[in-house]
């Protein structure tokens, strides 16, 4: 049986990326998150290729910051910042690649 889990990021996914570089605890509009993020990732664009490579070294810090936010807020707290994307990243990191079948 497959189970589904929802992952949230308030006000937007970019909050998760911003947490790679700085703490953030106050309500913020998604456009302002992008402005702050662009101070760390020049020319940031939503859906930009190569973001994982630019941010992966900071995942432990981002995870700690996201856990701190989650201890204070939930996804249902209106405009309070929240993300549990760190849980998704942890699950993705735990996926074991399956070996390809041998070619005959």
C-alpha atoms as a PDB file:
ATOM      1  CA  UNK A   1       0.000   0.000   0.000  1.00  0.00           C
ATOM      2  CA  UNK A   2       1.320   3.410  -0.954  1.00  0.00           C
ATOM      3  CA  UNK A   3       0.974   6.256   1.510  1.00  0.00           C
ATOM      4  CA  UNK A   4       1.016   9.893   0.588  1.00  0.00           C
ATOM      5  CA  UNK A   5       2.431  12.675   2.702  1.00  0.00           C
ATOM      6  CA  UNK A   6       1.929  16.362   2.109  1.00  0.00           C
ATOM      7  CA  UNK A   7       4.852  18.749   2.296  1.00  0.00           C
ATOM      8  CA  UNK A   8       4.224  22.435   2.825  1.00  0.00           C
ATOM      9  CA  UNK A   9       6.186  25.641   2.665  1.00  0.00           C
ATOM     10  CA  UNK A  10       4.570  28.921   3.755  1.00  0.00           C
ATOM     11  CA  UNK A  11       4.611  31.378   2.082  1.00  0.00           C
ATOM     12  CA  UNK A  12       6.407  29.500  -0.722  1.00  0.00           C
ATOM     13  CA  UNK A  13       9.026  26.889  -1.559  1.00  0.00           C
ATOM     14  CA  UNK A  14      11.617  29.664  -1.640  1.00  0.00           C
ATOM     15  CA  UNK A  15      11.414  29.870   2.166  1.00  0.00           C
ATOM     16  CA  UNK A  16      13.120  26.455   2.263  1.00  0.00           C
ATOM     17  CA  UNK A  17      15.876  27.769   0.001  1.00  0.00           C
ATOM     18  CA  UNK A  18      16.263  30.960   2.064  1.00  0.00           C
ATOM     19  CA  UNK A  19      16.739  28.856   5.204  1.00  0.00           C
ATOM     20  CA  UNK A  20      19.903  27.472   3.620  1.00  0.00           C
ATOM     21  CA  UNK A  21      21.460  30.899   4.162  1.00  0.00           C
ATOM     22  CA  UNK A  22      19.674  32.629   7.044  1.00  0.00           C
ATOM     23  CA  UNK A  23      17.110  32.250   9.809  1.00  0.00           C
ATOM     24  CA  UNK A  24      13.698  33.726   9.206  1.00  0.00           C
ATOM     25  CA  UNK A  25      10.862  33.776  11.736  1.00  0.00           C
ATOM     26  CA  UNK A  26       8.521  36.673  10.845  1.00  0.00           C
ATOM     27  CA  UNK A  27       5.598  36.677   8.427  1.00  0.00           C
ATOM     28  CA  UNK A  28       6.809  37.553   4.932  1.00  0.00           C
ATOM     29  CA  UNK A  29       5.257  37.815   1.484  1.00  0.00           C
ATOM     30  CA  UNK A  30       6.485  35.308  -1.088  1.00  0.00           C
ATOM     31  CA  UNK A  31       7.848  38.108  -3.298  1.00  0.00           C
ATOM     32  CA  UNK A  32       9.949  39.358  -0.381  1.00  0.00           C
ATOM     33  CA  UNK A  33      11.302  35.852   0.204  1.00  0.00           C
ATOM     34  CA  UNK A  34      12.541  35.828  -3.393  1.00  0.00           C
ATOM     35  CA  UNK A  35      14.155  39.258  -2.929  1.00  0.00           C
ATOM     36  CA  UNK A  36      16.020  38.007   0.156  1.00  0.00           C
ATOM     37  CA  UNK A  37      16.965  34.778  -1.617  1.00  0.00           C
ATOM     38  CA  UNK A  38      18.450  36.715  -4.544  1.00  0.00           C
ATOM     39  CA  UNK A  39      20.981  38.213  -2.124  1.00  0.00           C
ATOM     40  CA  UNK A  40      22.356  34.685  -1.705  1.00  0.00           C
ATOM     41  CA  UNK A  41      21.669  33.174  -5.143  1.00  0.00           C
ATOM     42  CA  UNK A  42      22.278  35.817  -7.788  1.00  0.00           C
ATOM     43  CA  UNK A  43      19.768  35.793 -10.658  1.00  0.00           C
ATOM     44  CA  UNK A  44      17.530  33.269  -8.851  1.00  0.00           C
ATOM     45  CA  UNK A  45      14.582  32.111 -10.959  1.00  0.00           C
ATOM     46  CA  UNK A  46      11.812  29.742  -9.875  1.00  0.00           C
ATOM     47  CA  UNK A  47      12.487  26.307 -11.368  1.00  0.00           C
ATOM     48  CA  UNK A  48      16.101  27.211 -12.104  1.00  0.00           C
ATOM     49  CA  UNK A  49      18.331  24.261 -12.933  1.00  0.00           C
ATOM     50  CA  UNK A  50      21.282  23.504 -10.686  1.00  0.00           C
ATOM     51  CA  UNK A  51      19.786  24.809  -7.421  1.00  0.00           C
ATOM     52  CA  UNK A  52      20.439  21.567  -5.586  1.00  0.00           C
ATOM     53  CA  UNK A  53      24.141  21.760  -6.426  1.00  0.00           C
ATOM     54  CA  UNK A  54      24.244  25.391  -5.256  1.00  0.00           C
ATOM     55  CA  UNK A  55      22.516  24.665  -1.947  1.00  0.00           C
ATOM     56  CA  UNK A  56      23.254  21.064  -0.939  1.00  0.00           C
ATOM     57  CA  UNK A  57      26.226  21.976   1.265  1.00  0.00           C
ATOM     58  CA  UNK A  58      23.824  24.060   3.392  1.00  0.00           C
ATOM     59  CA  UNK A  59      21.134  21.373   3.831  1.00  0.00           C
ATOM     60  CA  UNK A  60      22.118  20.594   7.463  1.00  0.00           C
ATOM     61  CA  UNK A  61      21.738  24.278   8.442  1.00  0.00           C
ATOM     62  CA  UNK A  62      18.502  24.621   6.476  1.00  0.00           C
ATOM     63  CA  UNK A  63      17.156  21.500   8.185  1.00  0.00           C
ATOM     64  CA  UNK A  64      17.932  22.864  11.648  1.00  0.00           C
ATOM     65  CA  UNK A  65      16.336  26.203  10.766  1.00  0.00           C
ATOM     66  CA  UNK A  66      13.238  24.474   9.339  1.00  0.00           C
ATOM     67  CA  UNK A  67      12.933  22.312  12.463  1.00  0.00           C
ATOM     68  CA  UNK A  68      13.126  25.469  14.606  1.00  0.00           C
ATOM     69  CA  UNK A  69      10.320  27.038  12.567  1.00  0.00           C
ATOM     70  CA  UNK A  70       8.220  23.874  12.799  1.00  0.00           C
ATOM     71  CA  UNK A  71       8.613  23.933  16.586  1.00  0.00           C
ATOM     72  CA  UNK A  72       6.942  27.377  16.597  1.00  0.00           C
ATOM     73  CA  UNK A  73       4.497  27.288  13.674  1.00  0.00           C
ATOM     74  CA  UNK A  74       2.414  24.898  11.605  1.00  0.00           C
ATOM     75  CA  UNK A  75       1.340  25.018   7.974  1.00  0.00           C
ATOM     76  CA  UNK A  76      -2.102  26.108   9.196  1.00  0.00           C
ATOM     77  CA  UNK A  77      -0.880  29.181  11.125  1.00  0.00           C
ATOM     78  CA  UNK A  78      -1.902  31.668   8.455  1.00  0.00           C
ATOM     79  CA  UNK A  79       1.001  33.832   7.369  1.00  0.00           C
ATOM     80  CA  UNK A  80       3.566  32.498   9.849  1.00  0.00           C
ATOM     81  CA  UNK A  81       6.581  31.019   8.036  1.00  0.00           C
ATOM     82  CA  UNK A  82       6.699  27.230   7.990  1.00  0.00           C
ATOM     83  CA  UNK A  83       8.251  24.474   5.934  1.00  0.00           C
ATOM     84  CA  UNK A  84       8.679  20.745   6.237  1.00  0.00           C
ATOM     85  CA  UNK A  85      10.544  20.372   2.943  1.00  0.00           C
ATOM     86  CA  UNK A  86      13.499  19.132   5.008  1.00  0.00           C
ATOM     87  CA  UNK A  87      11.470  15.962   5.657  1.00  0.00           C
ATOM     88  CA  UNK A  88      11.011  15.452   1.914  1.00  0.00           C
ATOM     89  CA  UNK A  89      14.732  15.991   1.314  1.00  0.00           C
ATOM     90  CA  UNK A  90      15.559  13.431   4.036  1.00  0.00           C
ATOM     91  CA  UNK A  91      13.193  10.907   2.446  1.00  0.00           C
ATOM     92  CA  UNK A  92      14.726  11.478  -0.988  1.00  0.00           C
ATOM     93  CA  UNK A  93      18.219  11.034   0.434  1.00  0.00           C
ATOM     94  CA  UNK A  94      17.137   7.709   1.970  1.00  0.00           C
ATOM     95  CA  UNK A  95      15.918   6.213  -1.307  1.00  0.00           C
ATOM     96  CA  UNK A  96      18.159   3.334  -2.199  1.00  0.00           C
ATOM     97  CA  UNK A  97      18.833   3.084  -5.918  1.00  0.00           C
ATOM     98  CA  UNK A  98      17.747  -0.184  -7.377  1.00  0.00           C
ATOM     99  CA  UNK A  99      20.310  -1.944  -9.449  1.00  0.00           C
ATOM    100  CA  UNK A 100      19.437  -2.201 -13.107  1.00  0.00           C
ATOM    101  CA  UNK A 101      18.810  -5.683 -14.435  1.00  0.00           C
ATOM    102  CA  UNK A 102      21.810  -7.235 -16.119  1.00  0.00           C
ATOM    103  CA  UNK A 103      21.760  -6.980 -19.880  1.00  0.00           C
ATOM    104  CA  UNK A 104      21.954 -10.252 -21.740  1.00  0.00           C
END
